[in-house]
Amino acid sequence: MQQAIIGFHVDEENDWVADLACGHGQHVRHNPPWQNRPWVMSEQGRQEKLGVMLACKKCDDEGHQ
């Protein structure tokens, strides 16, 4: 299920997590070459992603509509 990014926080391992409108979180790591997300490394880059839709696997697993 697609959910909007409403914020970001850093987890206990200093990895960035997108806070989703549904209340779940999703890691948005910049870890080349596997995950190339340089935008997550700057405040401006994260601000530009607010409102972007991400697939929430937790909502899908829980069967939320």
PDB file of N, CA and C in Angstrom:
ATOM      1  N   MET A   1       0.840  -1.177   0.000  1.00  0.00           N
ATOM      2  CA  MET A   1       0.000   0.000   0.000  1.00  0.00           C
ATOM      3  C   MET A   1       0.886   1.242   0.000  1.00  0.00           C
ATOM      4  N   GLN A   2       0.553   2.211  -0.812  1.00  0.00           N
ATOM      5  CA  GLN A   2       1.317   3.453  -0.914  1.00  0.00           C
ATOM      6  C   GLN A   2       0.962   4.393   0.240  1.00  0.00           C
ATOM      7  N   GLN A   3       1.994   4.931   0.873  1.00  0.00           N
ATOM      8  CA  GLN A   3       1.815   5.870   1.980  1.00  0.00           C
ATOM      9  C   GLN A   3       2.739   7.066   1.769  1.00  0.00           C
ATOM     10  N   ALA A   4       2.313   8.236   2.175  1.00  0.00           N
ATOM     11  CA  ALA A   4       3.109   9.455   2.029  1.00  0.00           C
ATOM     12  C   ALA A   4       4.172   9.543   3.120  1.00  0.00           C
ATOM     13  N   ILE A   5       5.336  10.064   2.741  1.00  0.00           N
ATOM     14  CA  ILE A   5       6.382  10.365   3.721  1.00  0.00           C
ATOM     15  C   ILE A   5       5.982  11.650   4.441  1.00  0.00           C
ATOM     16  N   ILE A   6       5.958  11.589   5.772  1.00  0.00           N
ATOM     17  CA  ILE A   6       5.576  12.769   6.550  1.00  0.00           C
ATOM     18  C   ILE A   6       6.742  13.291   7.400  1.00  0.00           C
ATOM     19  N   GLY A   7       7.842  12.561   7.431  1.00  0.00           N
ATOM     20  CA  GLY A   7       8.998  12.988   8.212  1.00  0.00           C
ATOM     21  C   GLY A   7      10.103  11.953   8.125  1.00  0.00           C
ATOM     22  N   PHE A   8      11.177  12.213   8.854  1.00  0.00           N
ATOM     23  CA  PHE A   8      12.321  11.307   8.882  1.00  0.00           C
ATOM     24  C   PHE A   8      12.901  11.276  10.289  1.00  0.00           C
ATOM     25  N   HIS A   9      13.519  10.156  10.623  1.00  0.00           N
ATOM     26  CA  HIS A   9      14.297  10.078  11.858  1.00  0.00           C
ATOM     27  C   HIS A   9      15.459   9.116  11.640  1.00  0.00           C
ATOM     28  N   VAL A  10      16.405   9.147  12.566  1.00  0.00           N
ATOM     29  CA  VAL A  10      17.568   8.259  12.516  1.00  0.00           C
ATOM     30  C   VAL A  10      17.342   7.147  13.531  1.00  0.00           C
ATOM     31  N   ASP A  11      17.602   5.897  13.123  1.00  0.00           N
ATOM     32  CA  ASP A  11      17.430   4.775  14.046  1.00  0.00           C
ATOM     33  C   ASP A  11      18.677   4.592  14.917  1.00  0.00           C
ATOM     34  N   GLU A  12      18.666   3.548  15.726  1.00  0.00           N
ATOM     35  CA  GLU A  12      19.765   3.301  16.671  1.00  0.00           C
ATOM     36  C   GLU A  12      21.092   2.978  15.980  1.00  0.00           C
ATOM     37  N   GLU A  13      21.049   2.651  14.691  1.00  0.00           N
ATOM     38  CA  GLU A  13      22.272   2.367  13.931  1.00  0.00           C
ATOM     39  C   GLU A  13      22.668   3.548  13.034  1.00  0.00           C
ATOM     40  N   ASN A  14      22.056   4.707  13.270  1.00  0.00           N
ATOM     41  CA  ASN A  14      22.301   5.932  12.497  1.00  0.00           C
ATOM     42  C   ASN A  14      21.908   5.815  11.030  1.00  0.00           C
ATOM     43  N   ASP A  15      20.921   4.987  10.742  1.00  0.00           N
ATOM     44  CA  ASP A  15      20.353   4.890   9.400  1.00  0.00           C
ATOM     45  C   ASP A  15      19.072   5.721   9.361  1.00  0.00           C
ATOM     46  N   TRP A  16      18.820   6.372   8.216  1.00  0.00           N
ATOM     47  CA  TRP A  16      17.623   7.194   8.067  1.00  0.00           C
ATOM     48  C   TRP A  16      16.397   6.331   7.827  1.00  0.00           C
ATOM     49  N   VAL A  17      15.299   6.711   8.471  1.00  0.00           N
ATOM     50  CA  VAL A  17      14.015   6.030   8.358  1.00  0.00           C
ATOM     51  C   VAL A  17      12.977   7.071   7.960  1.00  0.00           C
ATOM     52  N   ALA A  18      12.203   6.766   6.918  1.00  0.00           N
ATOM     53  CA  ALA A  18      11.093   7.633   6.527  1.00  0.00           C
ATOM     54  C   ALA A  18       9.898   7.312   7.413  1.00  0.00           C
ATOM     55  N   ASP A  19       9.304   8.349   7.992  1.00  0.00           N
ATOM     56  CA  ASP A  19       8.070   8.199   8.761  1.00  0.00           C
ATOM     57  C   ASP A  19       6.909   8.306   7.778  1.00  0.00           C
ATOM     58  N   LEU A  20       6.055   7.295   7.764  1.00  0.00           N
ATOM     59  CA  LEU A  20       4.956   7.243   6.809  1.00  0.00           C
ATOM     60  C   LEU A  20       3.638   7.663   7.457  1.00  0.00           C
ATOM     61  N   ALA A  21       2.700   8.131   6.642  1.00  0.00           N
ATOM     62  CA  ALA A  21       1.404   8.619   7.122  1.00  0.00           C
ATOM     63  C   ALA A  21       0.642   7.559   7.909  1.00  0.00           C
ATOM     64  N   CYS A  22       0.886   6.293   7.627  1.00  0.00           N
ATOM     65  CA  CYS A  22       0.183   5.204   8.307  1.00  0.00           C
ATOM     66  C   CYS A  22       0.722   4.950   9.713  1.00  0.00           C
ATOM     67  N   GLY A  23       1.859   5.574  10.053  1.00  0.00           N
ATOM     68  CA  GLY A  23       2.462   5.362  11.362  1.00  0.00           C
ATOM     69  C   GLY A  23       3.638   4.404  11.335  1.00  0.00           C
ATOM     70  N   HIS A  24       3.844   3.736  10.217  1.00  0.00           N
ATOM     71  CA  HIS A  24       4.986   2.844  10.075  1.00  0.00           C
ATOM     72  C   HIS A  24       6.205   3.626   9.613  1.00  0.00           C
ATOM     73  N   GLY A  25       7.354   2.974   9.621  1.00  0.00           N
ATOM     74  CA  GLY A  25       8.586   3.572   9.129  1.00  0.00           C
ATOM     75  C   GLY A  25       9.215   2.667   8.086  1.00  0.00           C
ATOM     76  N   GLN A  26      10.001   3.270   7.221  1.00  0.00           N
ATOM     77  CA  GLN A  26      10.714   2.489   6.203  1.00  0.00           C
ATOM     78  C   GLN A  26      12.117   3.066   6.045  1.00  0.00           C
ATOM     79  N   HIS A  27      13.122   2.185   6.118  1.00  0.00           N
ATOM     80  CA  HIS A  27      14.498   2.641   5.939  1.00  0.00           C
ATOM     81  C   HIS A  27      14.695   3.220   4.541  1.00  0.00           C
ATOM     82  N   VAL A  28      15.428   4.307   4.484  1.00  0.00           N
ATOM     83  CA  VAL A  28      15.793   4.949   3.215  1.00  0.00           C
ATOM     84  C   VAL A  28      17.304   5.204   3.241  1.00  0.00           C
ATOM     85  N   ARG A  29      18.036   4.122   3.332  1.00  0.00           N
ATOM     86  CA  ARG A  29      19.492   4.209   3.452  1.00  0.00           C
ATOM     87  C   ARG A  29      20.146   4.634   2.147  1.00  0.00           C
ATOM     88  N   HIS A  30      21.244   5.352   2.289  1.00  0.00           N
ATOM     89  CA  HIS A  30      22.145   5.615   1.159  1.00  0.00           C
ATOM     90  C   HIS A  30      23.329   4.687   1.381  1.00  0.00           C
ATOM     91  N   ASN A  31      23.364   3.577   0.648  1.00  0.00           N
ATOM     92  CA  ASN A  31      24.361   2.535   0.853  1.00  0.00           C
ATOM     93  C   ASN A  31      24.801   1.988  -0.500  1.00  0.00           C
ATOM     94  N   PRO A  32      25.501   2.815  -1.306  1.00  0.00           N
ATOM     95  CA  PRO A  32      25.915   2.366  -2.645  1.00  0.00           C
ATOM     96  C   PRO A  32      26.779   1.113  -2.564  1.00  0.00           C
ATOM     97  N   PRO A  33      26.717   0.234  -3.540  1.00  0.00           N
ATOM     98  CA  PRO A  33      25.923   0.321  -4.765  1.00  0.00           C
ATOM     99  C   PRO A  33      24.527  -0.284  -4.624  1.00  0.00           C
ATOM    100  N   TRP A  34      24.173  -0.799  -3.453  1.00  0.00           N
ATOM    101  CA  TRP A  34      22.877  -1.470  -3.285  1.00  0.00           C
ATOM    102  C   TRP A  34      21.720  -0.489  -3.241  1.00  0.00           C
ATOM    103  N   GLN A  35      21.873   0.581  -2.510  1.00  0.00           N
ATOM    104  CA  GLN A  35      20.808   1.576  -2.395  1.00  0.00           C
ATOM    105  C   GLN A  35      21.432   2.948  -2.603  1.00  0.00           C
ATOM    106  N   ASN A  36      21.075   3.587  -3.698  1.00  0.00           N
ATOM    107  CA  ASN A  36      21.659   4.870  -4.051  1.00  0.00           C
ATOM    108  C   ASN A  36      20.648   5.981  -3.777  1.00  0.00           C
ATOM    109  N   ARG A  37      20.715   6.544  -2.581  1.00  0.00           N
ATOM    110  CA  ARG A  37      19.798   7.618  -2.182  1.00  0.00           C
ATOM    111  C   ARG A  37      20.589   8.778  -1.572  1.00  0.00           C
ATOM    112  N   PRO A  38      21.389   9.456  -2.385  1.00  0.00           N
ATOM    113  CA  PRO A  38      22.193  10.552  -1.832  1.00  0.00           C
ATOM    114  C   PRO A  38      21.356  11.680  -1.238  1.00  0.00           C
ATOM    115  N   TRP A  39      20.106  11.822  -1.671  1.00  0.00           N
ATOM    116  CA  TRP A  39      19.242  12.883  -1.164  1.00  0.00           C
ATOM    117  C   TRP A  39      18.999  12.772   0.337  1.00  0.00           C
ATOM    118  N   VAL A  40      19.076  11.551   0.884  1.00  0.00           N
ATOM    119  CA  VAL A  40      18.777  11.359   2.306  1.00  0.00           C
ATOM    120  C   VAL A  40      19.870  11.946   3.208  1.00  0.00           C
ATOM    121  N   MET A  41      21.015  12.264   2.640  1.00  0.00           N
ATOM    122  CA  MET A  41      22.145  12.740   3.427  1.00  0.00           C
ATOM    123  C   MET A  41      22.057  14.236   3.756  1.00  0.00           C
ATOM    124  N   SER A  42      21.133  14.971   3.115  1.00  0.00           N
ATOM    125  CA  SER A  42      21.013  16.403   3.405  1.00  0.00           C
ATOM    126  C   SER A  42      19.603  16.745   3.868  1.00  0.00           C
ATOM    127  N   GLU A  43      19.513  17.767   4.701  1.00  0.00           N
ATOM    128  CA  GLU A  43      18.204  18.237   5.172  1.00  0.00           C
ATOM    129  C   GLU A  43      17.340  18.666   3.993  1.00  0.00           C
ATOM    130  N   GLN A  44      17.922  19.383   3.042  1.00  0.00           N
ATOM    131  CA  GLN A  44      17.176  19.834   1.875  1.00  0.00           C
ATOM    132  C   GLN A  44      16.659  18.644   1.070  1.00  0.00           C
ATOM    133  N   GLY A  45      17.483  17.629   0.871  1.00  0.00           N
ATOM    134  CA  GLY A  45      17.069  16.440   0.127  1.00  0.00           C
ATOM    135  C   GLY A  45      15.904  15.735   0.789  1.00  0.00           C
ATOM    136  N   ARG A  46      15.960  15.609   2.121  1.00  0.00           N
ATOM    137  CA  ARG A  46      14.857  14.966   2.843  1.00  0.00           C
ATOM    138  C   ARG A  46      13.595  15.814   2.755  1.00  0.00           C
ATOM    139  N   GLN A  47      13.721  17.120   2.909  1.00  0.00           N
ATOM    140  CA  GLN A  47      12.554  18.009   2.825  1.00  0.00           C
ATOM    141  C   GLN A  47      11.868  17.889   1.470  1.00  0.00           C
ATOM    142  N   GLU A  48      12.663  17.733   0.410  1.00  0.00           N
ATOM    143  CA  GLU A  48      12.095  17.616  -0.936  1.00  0.00           C
ATOM    144  C   GLU A  48      11.314  16.314  -1.132  1.00  0.00           C
ATOM    145  N   LYS A  49      11.538  15.330  -0.279  1.00  0.00           N
ATOM    146  CA  LYS A  49      10.844  14.037  -0.405  1.00  0.00           C
ATOM    147  C   LYS A  49       9.585  13.950   0.452  1.00  0.00           C
ATOM    148  N   LEU A  50       9.323  14.965   1.268  1.00  0.00           N
ATOM    149  CA  LEU A  50       8.083  14.949   2.060  1.00  0.00           C
ATOM    150  C   LEU A  50       6.891  14.904   1.106  1.00  0.00           C
ATOM    151  N   GLY A  51       5.953  14.021   1.385  1.00  0.00           N
ATOM    152  CA  GLY A  51       4.773  13.858   0.536  1.00  0.00           C
ATOM    153  C   GLY A  51       4.930  12.809  -0.543  1.00  0.00           C
ATOM    154  N   VAL A  52       6.159  12.372  -0.794  1.00  0.00           N
ATOM    155  CA  VAL A  52       6.390  11.322  -1.791  1.00  0.00           C
ATOM    156  C   VAL A  52       5.796  10.020  -1.271  1.00  0.00           C
ATOM    157  N   MET A  53       5.226   9.243  -2.157  1.00  0.00           N
ATOM    158  CA  MET A  53       4.592   7.988  -1.777  1.00  0.00           C
ATOM    159  C   MET A  53       5.597   6.841  -1.818  1.00  0.00           C
ATOM    160  N   LEU A  54       5.575   6.015  -0.764  1.00  0.00           N
ATOM    161  CA  LEU A  54       6.383   4.796  -0.706  1.00  0.00           C
ATOM    162  C   LEU A  54       5.461   3.617  -0.442  1.00  0.00           C
ATOM    163  N   ALA A  55       5.842   2.461  -0.934  1.00  0.00           N
ATOM    164  CA  ALA A  55       5.087   1.247  -0.647  1.00  0.00           C
ATOM    165  C   ALA A  55       5.391   0.822   0.778  1.00  0.00           C
ATOM    166  N   CYS A  56       4.372   0.701   1.606  1.00  0.00           N
ATOM    167  CA  CYS A  56       4.544   0.264   2.993  1.00  0.00           C
ATOM    168  C   CYS A  56       4.312  -1.240   3.066  1.00  0.00           C
ATOM    169  N   LYS A  57       5.392  -1.964   3.254  1.00  0.00           N
ATOM    170  CA  LYS A  57       5.297  -3.426   3.327  1.00  0.00           C
ATOM    171  C   LYS A  57       4.551  -3.876   4.581  1.00  0.00           C
ATOM    172  N   LYS A  58       4.663  -3.115   5.671  1.00  0.00           N
ATOM    173  CA  LYS A  58       3.965  -3.486   6.898  1.00  0.00           C
ATOM    174  C   LYS A  58       2.463  -3.396   6.706  1.00  0.00           C
ATOM    175  N   CYS A  59       1.989  -2.347   6.032  1.00  0.00           N
ATOM    176  CA  CYS A  59       0.547  -2.243   5.760  1.00  0.00           C
ATOM    177  C   CYS A  59       0.100  -3.404   4.867  1.00  0.00           C
ATOM    178  N   ASP A  60       0.898  -3.725   3.849  1.00  0.00           N
ATOM    179  CA  ASP A  60       0.557  -4.840   2.964  1.00  0.00           C
ATOM    180  C   ASP A  60       0.479  -6.144   3.756  1.00  0.00           C
ATOM    181  N   ASP A  61       1.447  -6.365   4.644  1.00  0.00           N
ATOM    182  CA  ASP A  61       1.483  -7.595   5.446  1.00  0.00           C
ATOM    183  C   ASP A  61       0.308  -7.686   6.415  1.00  0.00           C
ATOM    184  N   GLU A  62      -0.131  -6.526   6.908  1.00  0.00           N
ATOM    185  CA  GLU A  62      -1.233  -6.501   7.875  1.00  0.00           C
ATOM    186  C   GLU A  62      -2.592  -6.474   7.188  1.00  0.00           C
ATOM    187  N   GLY A  63      -2.603  -6.340   5.862  1.00  0.00           N
ATOM    188  CA  GLY A  63      -3.852  -6.329   5.118  1.00  0.00           C
ATOM    189  C   GLY A  63      -4.635  -5.049   5.229  1.00  0.00           C
ATOM    190  N   HIS A  64      -3.956  -3.921   5.535  1.00  0.00           N
ATOM    191  CA  HIS A  64      -4.644  -2.624   5.593  1.00  0.00           C
ATOM    192  C   HIS A  64      -5.077  -2.216   4.205  1.00  0.00           C
ATOM    193  N   GLN A  65      -6.182  -1.527   4.135  1.00  0.00           N
ATOM    194  CA  GLN A  65      -6.701  -1.027   2.862  1.00  0.00           C
ATOM    195  C   GLN A  65      -6.485   0.435   2.759  1.00  0.00           C
TER     196      GLN A  65
END
